[in-house]
Amino acid sequence: MRSVPEWIGNTDDEKVPPRVRLRLFEKYGGICQLSNRKIMAGDAWDLDHIKAIWRGGEHRESNLHPVLKQPHREKSAEEQSEQAKCDRIRKKHLGLWPQSKAKIKSRGFGRTRDMSEHTLIERIAQVAIAVGWQAGEPAMELAGQIVSVLAANPEHIERFMSDGAELFLDGTFNAENGCLTYRSIGGDVLSPSVLRAKKGMQQ
C-alpha cells in the first residue's frame, strides 16, 4: 500500500512536479529505462510515458519512468510516425481521408522496345509515301519492300532512320536484298533467293 498518494495529472500535458520526478528517479535506481544506462549528474533526462497517451495511456505517476533525452527523442519520433500512420489508416476506413488533388506526375515513356518499333513503323510509312509519290509506285508495295530488306538486314535500321530514301538510291533496298517474296516479275511471284540467282548472286 502506498504511503504517498499517486500523482495524477489533471491534463495530458501537465508538468510533473519535482517531488514526483525525484520519486520516479529513485524508484528506478536512476537507470534510463530505454538505454539501461545510469543517469549521471549533469545528464539531461525526461519522464517518459510507459504506455503512450495516444495508445490510451494515462498521465500519472505509475505510467512514467525516467529516460535520457536522446533515447527519448528517438522513441518519440518513432511513436509519432506510427501514430500518424495509424491515424491515416483509421481515417481511410472511416472514409474521412481526403483524396489528393495533386496530379500524379508521369515520368513519361522510356526508350522501350514498343516505342522504338512504333517509331520505325512511322518512318517506314513516311519514306514509302515520299518515294512512292516521286516514283509513281504504290506506297504499300514500297513499305513491304523496306520491311523485307530491314528484316533480313537489321544492321541497316539505324542508317534507315537517319537517311531514309537514300537507301533506295544506293541499292540497299533492292528486292533481292530482302527476305519476303517480291510482288511479281512477268506475272510470277518471285522470292529474293530467286532474284539473287537470276542476277548471279550468291544465295
C-alpha atoms as a PDB file:
ATOM      1  CA  MET A   1       0.000   0.000   0.000  1.00  0.00           C
ATOM      2  CA  ARG A   2       1.323   3.427  -0.990  1.00  0.00           C
ATOM      3  CA  SER A   3       2.260   5.738   1.862  1.00  0.00           C
ATOM      4  CA  VAL A   4       2.100   8.718  -0.522  1.00  0.00           C
ATOM      5  CA  PRO A   5      -0.862   9.227  -2.859  1.00  0.00           C
ATOM      6  CA  GLU A   6      -0.059   8.645  -6.522  1.00  0.00           C
ATOM      7  CA  TRP A   7       0.290  11.786  -8.556  1.00  0.00           C
ATOM      8  CA  ILE A   8      -2.206  12.026 -11.441  1.00  0.00           C
ATOM      9  CA  GLY A   9      -2.100  14.849 -13.946  1.00  0.00           C
ATOM     10  CA  ASN A  10      -5.217  16.919 -14.470  1.00  0.00           C
ATOM     11  CA  THR A  11      -4.381  17.147 -18.185  1.00  0.00           C
ATOM     12  CA  ASP A  12      -2.242  15.062 -20.522  1.00  0.00           C
ATOM     13  CA  ASP A  13       0.434  17.757 -20.705  1.00  0.00           C
ATOM     14  CA  GLU A  14       0.516  18.923 -17.081  1.00  0.00           C
ATOM     15  CA  LYS A  15       4.068  19.386 -15.834  1.00  0.00           C
ATOM     16  CA  VAL A  16       5.246  16.669 -13.440  1.00  0.00           C
ATOM     17  CA  PRO A  17       6.177  18.207 -10.038  1.00  0.00           C
ATOM     18  CA  PRO A  18       9.853  17.953  -8.934  1.00  0.00           C
ATOM     19  CA  ARG A  19       8.924  15.747  -5.967  1.00  0.00           C
ATOM     20  CA  VAL A  20       7.336  13.198  -8.318  1.00  0.00           C
ATOM     21  CA  ARG A  21      10.351  13.305 -10.651  1.00  0.00           C
ATOM     22  CA  LEU A  22      12.592  12.545  -7.689  1.00  0.00           C
ATOM     23  CA  ARG A  23      10.374   9.667  -6.533  1.00  0.00           C
ATOM     24  CA  LEU A  24      10.448   8.096 -10.009  1.00  0.00           C
ATOM     25  CA  PHE A  25      14.214   8.601 -10.340  1.00  0.00           C
ATOM     26  CA  GLU A  26      14.765   6.762  -7.042  1.00  0.00           C
ATOM     27  CA  LYS A  27      12.164   4.103  -7.842  1.00  0.00           C
ATOM     28  CA  TYR A  28      14.093   3.052 -10.965  1.00  0.00           C
ATOM     29  CA  GLY A  29      17.532   3.444  -9.366  1.00  0.00           C
ATOM     30  CA  GLY A  30      18.479   6.330 -11.666  1.00  0.00           C
ATOM     31  CA  ILE A  31      18.603   3.986 -14.680  1.00  0.00           C
ATOM     32  CA  CYS A  32      17.395   5.124 -18.108  1.00  0.00           C
ATOM     33  CA  GLN A  33      14.599   2.711 -18.952  1.00  0.00           C
ATOM     34  CA  LEU A  34      15.292   2.924 -22.696  1.00  0.00           C
ATOM     35  CA  SER A  35      19.082   2.544 -22.802  1.00  0.00           C
ATOM     36  CA  ASN A  36      19.650   0.867 -19.403  1.00  0.00           C
ATOM     37  CA  ARG A  37      22.385   3.434 -18.824  1.00  0.00           C
ATOM     38  CA  LYS A  38      22.960   5.052 -15.451  1.00  0.00           C
ATOM     39  CA  ILE A  39      21.778   8.659 -15.469  1.00  0.00           C
ATOM     40  CA  MET A  40      24.767  10.625 -14.244  1.00  0.00           C
ATOM     41  CA  ALA A  41      24.900  14.079 -12.691  1.00  0.00           C
ATOM     42  CA  GLY A  42      24.554  16.669 -15.447  1.00  0.00           C
ATOM     43  CA  ASP A  43      22.797  14.263 -17.840  1.00  0.00           C
ATOM     44  CA  ALA A  44      19.608  15.636 -19.335  1.00  0.00           C
ATOM     45  CA  TRP A  45      16.685  13.307 -18.698  1.00  0.00           C
ATOM     46  CA  ASP A  46      12.915  13.209 -19.065  1.00  0.00           C
ATOM     47  CA  LEU A  47       9.977  11.268 -17.785  1.00  0.00           C
ATOM     48  CA  ASP A  48       8.504   9.048 -20.482  1.00  0.00           C
ATOM     49  CA  HIS A  49       5.044   7.514 -20.647  1.00  0.00           C
ATOM     50  CA  ILE A  50       5.348   3.723 -20.469  1.00  0.00           C
ATOM     51  CA  LYS A  51       2.120   3.413 -22.430  1.00  0.00           C
ATOM     52  CA  ALA A  52       1.828   6.333 -24.829  1.00  0.00           C
ATOM     53  CA  ILE A  53      -1.063   8.732 -24.279  1.00  0.00           C
ATOM     54  CA  TRP A  54      -2.255   8.207 -27.863  1.00  0.00           C
ATOM     55  CA  ARG A  55      -2.394   4.468 -27.191  1.00  0.00           C
ATOM     56  CA  GLY A  56      -4.664   5.005 -24.223  1.00  0.00           C
ATOM     57  CA  GLY A  57      -2.058   5.534 -21.522  1.00  0.00           C
ATOM     58  CA  GLU A  58      -2.646   7.950 -18.634  1.00  0.00           C
ATOM     59  CA  HIS A  59      -0.604  10.901 -17.482  1.00  0.00           C
ATOM     60  CA  ARG A  60       0.055   9.560 -14.000  1.00  0.00           C
ATOM     61  CA  GLU A  61       2.960   8.517 -11.820  1.00  0.00           C
ATOM     62  CA  SER A  62       2.517   4.775 -12.372  1.00  0.00           C
ATOM     63  CA  ASN A  63       2.760   5.274 -16.160  1.00  0.00           C
ATOM     64  CA  LEU A  64       6.015   7.242 -16.072  1.00  0.00           C
ATOM     65  CA  HIS A  65       9.667   6.231 -15.938  1.00  0.00           C
ATOM     66  CA  PRO A  66      12.994   8.100 -16.269  1.00  0.00           C
ATOM     67  CA  VAL A  67      14.802   8.178 -19.619  1.00  0.00           C
ATOM     68  CA  LEU A  68      17.751  10.058 -21.077  1.00  0.00           C
ATOM     69  CA  LYS A  69      16.777  12.813 -23.508  1.00  0.00           C
ATOM     70  CA  GLN A  70      18.398  11.365 -26.650  1.00  0.00           C
ATOM     71  CA  PRO A  71      16.808   7.898 -26.450  1.00  0.00           C
ATOM     72  CA  HIS A  72      13.539   9.637 -25.544  1.00  0.00           C
ATOM     73  CA  ARG A  73      13.687  11.795 -28.699  1.00  0.00           C
ATOM     74  CA  GLU A  74      14.271   8.709 -30.833  1.00  0.00           C
ATOM     75  CA  LYS A  75      11.380   6.845 -29.243  1.00  0.00           C
ATOM     76  CA  SER A  76       9.072   9.867 -29.586  1.00  0.00           C
ATOM     77  CA  ALA A  77       9.919  10.240 -33.285  1.00  0.00           C
ATOM     78  CA  GLU A  78       9.125   6.570 -33.920  1.00  0.00           C
ATOM     79  CA  GLU A  79       5.857   6.835 -31.990  1.00  0.00           C
ATOM     80  CA  GLN A  80       4.795   9.987 -33.862  1.00  0.00           C
ATOM     81  CA  SER A  81       5.421   8.283 -37.194  1.00  0.00           C
ATOM     82  CA  GLU A  82       3.468   5.230 -36.087  1.00  0.00           C
ATOM     83  CA  GLN A  83       0.662   7.400 -34.712  1.00  0.00           C
ATOM     84  CA  ALA A  84       0.369   9.323 -37.987  1.00  0.00           C
ATOM     85  CA  LYS A  85       0.212   6.069 -39.928  1.00  0.00           C
ATOM     86  CA  CYS A  86      -2.473   4.668 -37.631  1.00  0.00           C
ATOM     87  CA  ASP A  87      -4.472   7.896 -37.946  1.00  0.00           C
ATOM     88  CA  ARG A  88      -4.342   7.698 -41.756  1.00  0.00           C
ATOM     89  CA  ILE A  89      -5.469   4.079 -41.759  1.00  0.00           C
ATOM     90  CA  ARG A  90      -8.324   4.811 -39.377  1.00  0.00           C
ATOM     91  CA  LYS A  91      -9.497   7.809 -41.404  1.00  0.00           C
ATOM     92  CA  LYS A  92      -9.365   5.827 -44.641  1.00  0.00           C
ATOM     93  CA  HIS A  93     -11.507   3.105 -43.074  1.00  0.00           C
ATOM     94  CA  LEU A  94     -13.985   5.752 -41.967  1.00  0.00           C
ATOM     95  CA  GLY A  95     -13.941   7.462 -45.368  1.00  0.00           C
ATOM     96  CA  LEU A  96     -12.520  10.645 -43.842  1.00  0.00           C
ATOM     97  CA  TRP A  97      -9.142  10.669 -45.586  1.00  0.00           C
ATOM     98  CA  PRO A  98      -9.302  13.260 -48.385  1.00  0.00           C
ATOM     99  CA  GLN A  99      -8.169  12.257 -51.841  1.00  0.00           C
ATOM    100  CA  SER A 100      -5.124  14.134 -53.038  1.00  0.00           C
ATOM    101  CA  LYS A 101      -5.857  16.917 -55.515  1.00  0.00           C
ATOM    102  CA  ALA A 102      -2.328  16.749 -56.862  1.00  0.00           C
ATOM    103  CA  LYS A 103      -1.990  15.084 -60.212  1.00  0.00           C
ATOM    104  CA  ILE A 104       0.266  12.082 -60.391  1.00  0.00           C
ATOM    105  CA  LYS A 105       3.258  13.012 -62.480  1.00  0.00           C
ATOM    106  CA  SER A 106       4.318  10.525 -65.082  1.00  0.00           C
ATOM    107  CA  ARG A 107       7.957  10.132 -65.871  1.00  0.00           C
ATOM    108  CA  GLY A 108       6.948   9.611 -69.480  1.00  0.00           C
ATOM    109  CA  PHE A 109       7.753   6.792 -71.804  1.00  0.00           C
ATOM    110  CA  GLY A 110      11.253   5.419 -71.804  1.00  0.00           C
ATOM    111  CA  ARG A 111      13.048   4.184 -74.857  1.00  0.00           C
ATOM    112  CA  THR A 112      11.277   0.861 -74.730  1.00  0.00           C
ATOM    113  CA  ARG A 113      11.128  -1.766 -77.429  1.00  0.00           C
ATOM    114  CA  ASP A 114       7.491  -0.931 -78.209  1.00  0.00           C
ATOM    115  CA  MET A 115       8.247   2.760 -78.636  1.00  0.00           C
ATOM    116  CA  SER A 116      11.209   2.132 -80.969  1.00  0.00           C
ATOM    117  CA  GLU A 117       9.110  -0.248 -83.062  1.00  0.00           C
ATOM    118  CA  HIS A 118       6.377   2.370 -83.319  1.00  0.00           C
ATOM    119  CA  THR A 119       8.922   4.981 -84.422  1.00  0.00           C
ATOM    120  CA  LEU A 120      10.353   2.596 -87.023  1.00  0.00           C
ATOM    121  CA  ILE A 121       6.903   1.854 -88.460  1.00  0.00           C
ATOM    122  CA  GLU A 122       6.159   5.573 -88.751  1.00  0.00           C
ATOM    123  CA  ARG A 123       9.487   6.102 -90.534  1.00  0.00           C
ATOM    124  CA  ILE A 124       8.772   3.260 -92.980  1.00  0.00           C
ATOM    125  CA  ALA A 125       5.392   4.805 -93.817  1.00  0.00           C
ATOM    126  CA  GLN A 126       6.912   8.277 -94.310  1.00  0.00           C
ATOM    127  CA  VAL A 127       9.648   7.023 -96.652  1.00  0.00           C
ATOM    128  CA  ALA A 128       7.297   4.745 -98.600  1.00  0.00           C
ATOM    129  CA  ILE A 129       4.845   7.595 -99.190  1.00  0.00           C
ATOM    130  CA  ALA A 130       7.576  10.033-100.264  1.00  0.00           C
ATOM    131  CA  VAL A 131       9.321   7.572-102.616  1.00  0.00           C
ATOM    132  CA  GLY A 132       6.032   6.259-103.966  1.00  0.00           C
ATOM    133  CA  TRP A 133       4.833   9.749-104.863  1.00  0.00           C
ATOM    134  CA  GLN A 134       8.090  10.557-106.678  1.00  0.00           C
ATOM    135  CA  ALA A 135       8.431   7.170-108.445  1.00  0.00           C
ATOM    136  CA  GLY A 136       4.767   6.600-109.231  1.00  0.00           C
ATOM    137  CA  GLU A 137       4.834   3.303-107.263  1.00  0.00           C
ATOM    138  CA  PRO A 138       2.268   2.159-104.673  1.00  0.00           C
ATOM    139  CA  ALA A 139       3.455   3.215-101.219  1.00  0.00           C
ATOM    140  CA  MET A 140       2.151  -0.043 -99.755  1.00  0.00           C
ATOM    141  CA  GLU A 141       4.398  -2.058-102.111  1.00  0.00           C
ATOM    142  CA  LEU A 142       7.404   0.056-101.200  1.00  0.00           C
ATOM    143  CA  ALA A 143       6.678  -0.222 -97.470  1.00  0.00           C
ATOM    144  CA  GLY A 144       6.654  -4.005 -97.829  1.00  0.00           C
ATOM    145  CA  GLN A 145       9.970  -3.859 -99.683  1.00  0.00           C
ATOM    146  CA  ILE A 146      11.512  -1.764 -96.899  1.00  0.00           C
ATOM    147  CA  VAL A 147      10.260  -4.200 -94.266  1.00  0.00           C
ATOM    148  CA  SER A 148      11.598  -7.136 -96.290  1.00  0.00           C
ATOM    149  CA  VAL A 149      15.111  -5.691 -96.504  1.00  0.00           C
ATOM    150  CA  LEU A 150      15.258  -4.447 -92.903  1.00  0.00           C
ATOM    151  CA  ALA A 151      14.008  -7.794 -91.585  1.00  0.00           C
ATOM    152  CA  ALA A 152      16.788  -9.570 -93.493  1.00  0.00           C
ATOM    153  CA  ASN A 153      19.400  -6.915 -92.637  1.00  0.00           C
ATOM    154  CA  PRO A 154      18.606  -5.315 -89.261  1.00  0.00           C
ATOM    155  CA  GLU A 155      22.028  -3.678 -89.272  1.00  0.00           C
ATOM    156  CA  HIS A 156      20.592  -1.181 -91.788  1.00  0.00           C
ATOM    157  CA  ILE A 157      17.833   0.039 -89.427  1.00  0.00           C
ATOM    158  CA  GLU A 158      19.891   2.790 -87.783  1.00  0.00           C
ATOM    159  CA  ARG A 159      21.043   4.150 -91.154  1.00  0.00           C
ATOM    160  CA  PHE A 160      17.493   3.941 -92.487  1.00  0.00           C
ATOM    161  CA  MET A 161      16.200   6.021 -89.557  1.00  0.00           C
ATOM    162  CA  SER A 162      18.641   8.802 -90.433  1.00  0.00           C
ATOM    163  CA  ASP A 163      18.987   8.524 -94.247  1.00  0.00           C
ATOM    164  CA  GLY A 164      15.569   7.201 -95.271  1.00  0.00           C
ATOM    165  CA  ALA A 165      15.085   7.182 -99.060  1.00  0.00           C
ATOM    166  CA  GLU A 166      18.854   7.320 -99.672  1.00  0.00           C
ATOM    167  CA  LEU A 167      18.878   3.532 -99.186  1.00  0.00           C
ATOM    168  CA  PHE A 168      16.782   3.184-102.356  1.00  0.00           C
ATOM    169  CA  LEU A 169      19.336   5.214-104.284  1.00  0.00           C
ATOM    170  CA  ASP A 170      22.390   3.213-103.147  1.00  0.00           C
ATOM    171  CA  GLY A 171      20.726  -0.133-103.855  1.00  0.00           C
ATOM    172  CA  THR A 172      20.269  -1.252-100.253  1.00  0.00           C
ATOM    173  CA  PHE A 173      16.504  -1.581-100.744  1.00  0.00           C
ATOM    174  CA  ASN A 174      16.701  -3.675-103.888  1.00  0.00           C
ATOM    175  CA  ALA A 175      14.213  -6.530-103.758  1.00  0.00           C
ATOM    176  CA  GLU A 176      16.900  -9.228-103.848  1.00  0.00           C
ATOM    177  CA  ASN A 177      18.296  -7.953-100.524  1.00  0.00           C
ATOM    178  CA  GLY A 178      15.064  -8.759 -98.685  1.00  0.00           C
ATOM    179  CA  CYS A 179      13.546 -11.879 -97.144  1.00  0.00           C
ATOM    180  CA  LEU A 180       9.917 -11.662 -98.314  1.00  0.00           C
ATOM    181  CA  THR A 181       8.509 -12.684-101.672  1.00  0.00           C
ATOM    182  CA  TYR A 182       8.605  -9.919-104.267  1.00  0.00           C
ATOM    183  CA  ARG A 183       5.371  -8.778-105.883  1.00  0.00           C
ATOM    184  CA  SER A 184       5.935 -10.243-109.368  1.00  0.00           C
ATOM    185  CA  ILE A 185       8.061 -10.094-112.457  1.00  0.00           C
ATOM    186  CA  GLY A 186       6.446 -11.183-115.720  1.00  0.00           C
ATOM    187  CA  GLY A 187       3.430 -12.440-113.792  1.00  0.00           C
ATOM    188  CA  ASP A 188       5.441 -14.727-111.464  1.00  0.00           C
ATOM    189  CA  VAL A 189       5.756 -14.116-107.719  1.00  0.00           C
ATOM    190  CA  LEU A 190       9.452 -14.420-107.007  1.00  0.00           C
ATOM    191  CA  SER A 191      11.385 -14.808-103.799  1.00  0.00           C
ATOM    192  CA  PRO A 192      14.559 -12.828-103.050  1.00  0.00           C
ATOM    193  CA  SER A 193      16.631 -16.013-103.417  1.00  0.00           C
ATOM    194  CA  VAL A 194      15.316 -16.481-106.973  1.00  0.00           C
ATOM    195  CA  LEU A 195      16.066 -12.865-107.759  1.00  0.00           C
ATOM    196  CA  ARG A 196      19.586 -13.303-106.453  1.00  0.00           C
ATOM    197  CA  ALA A 197      20.021 -16.409-108.580  1.00  0.00           C
ATOM    198  CA  LYS A 198      18.786 -14.578-111.643  1.00  0.00           C
ATOM    199  CA  LYS A 199      21.372 -11.893-111.038  1.00  0.00           C
ATOM    200  CA  GLY A 200      24.085 -14.465-110.409  1.00  0.00           C
ATOM    201  CA  MET A 201      24.373 -13.506-106.754  1.00  0.00           C
ATOM    202  CA  GLN A 202      25.411 -15.937-104.048  1.00  0.00           C
ATOM    203  CA  GLN A 203      22.367 -17.424-102.342  1.00  0.00           C
END
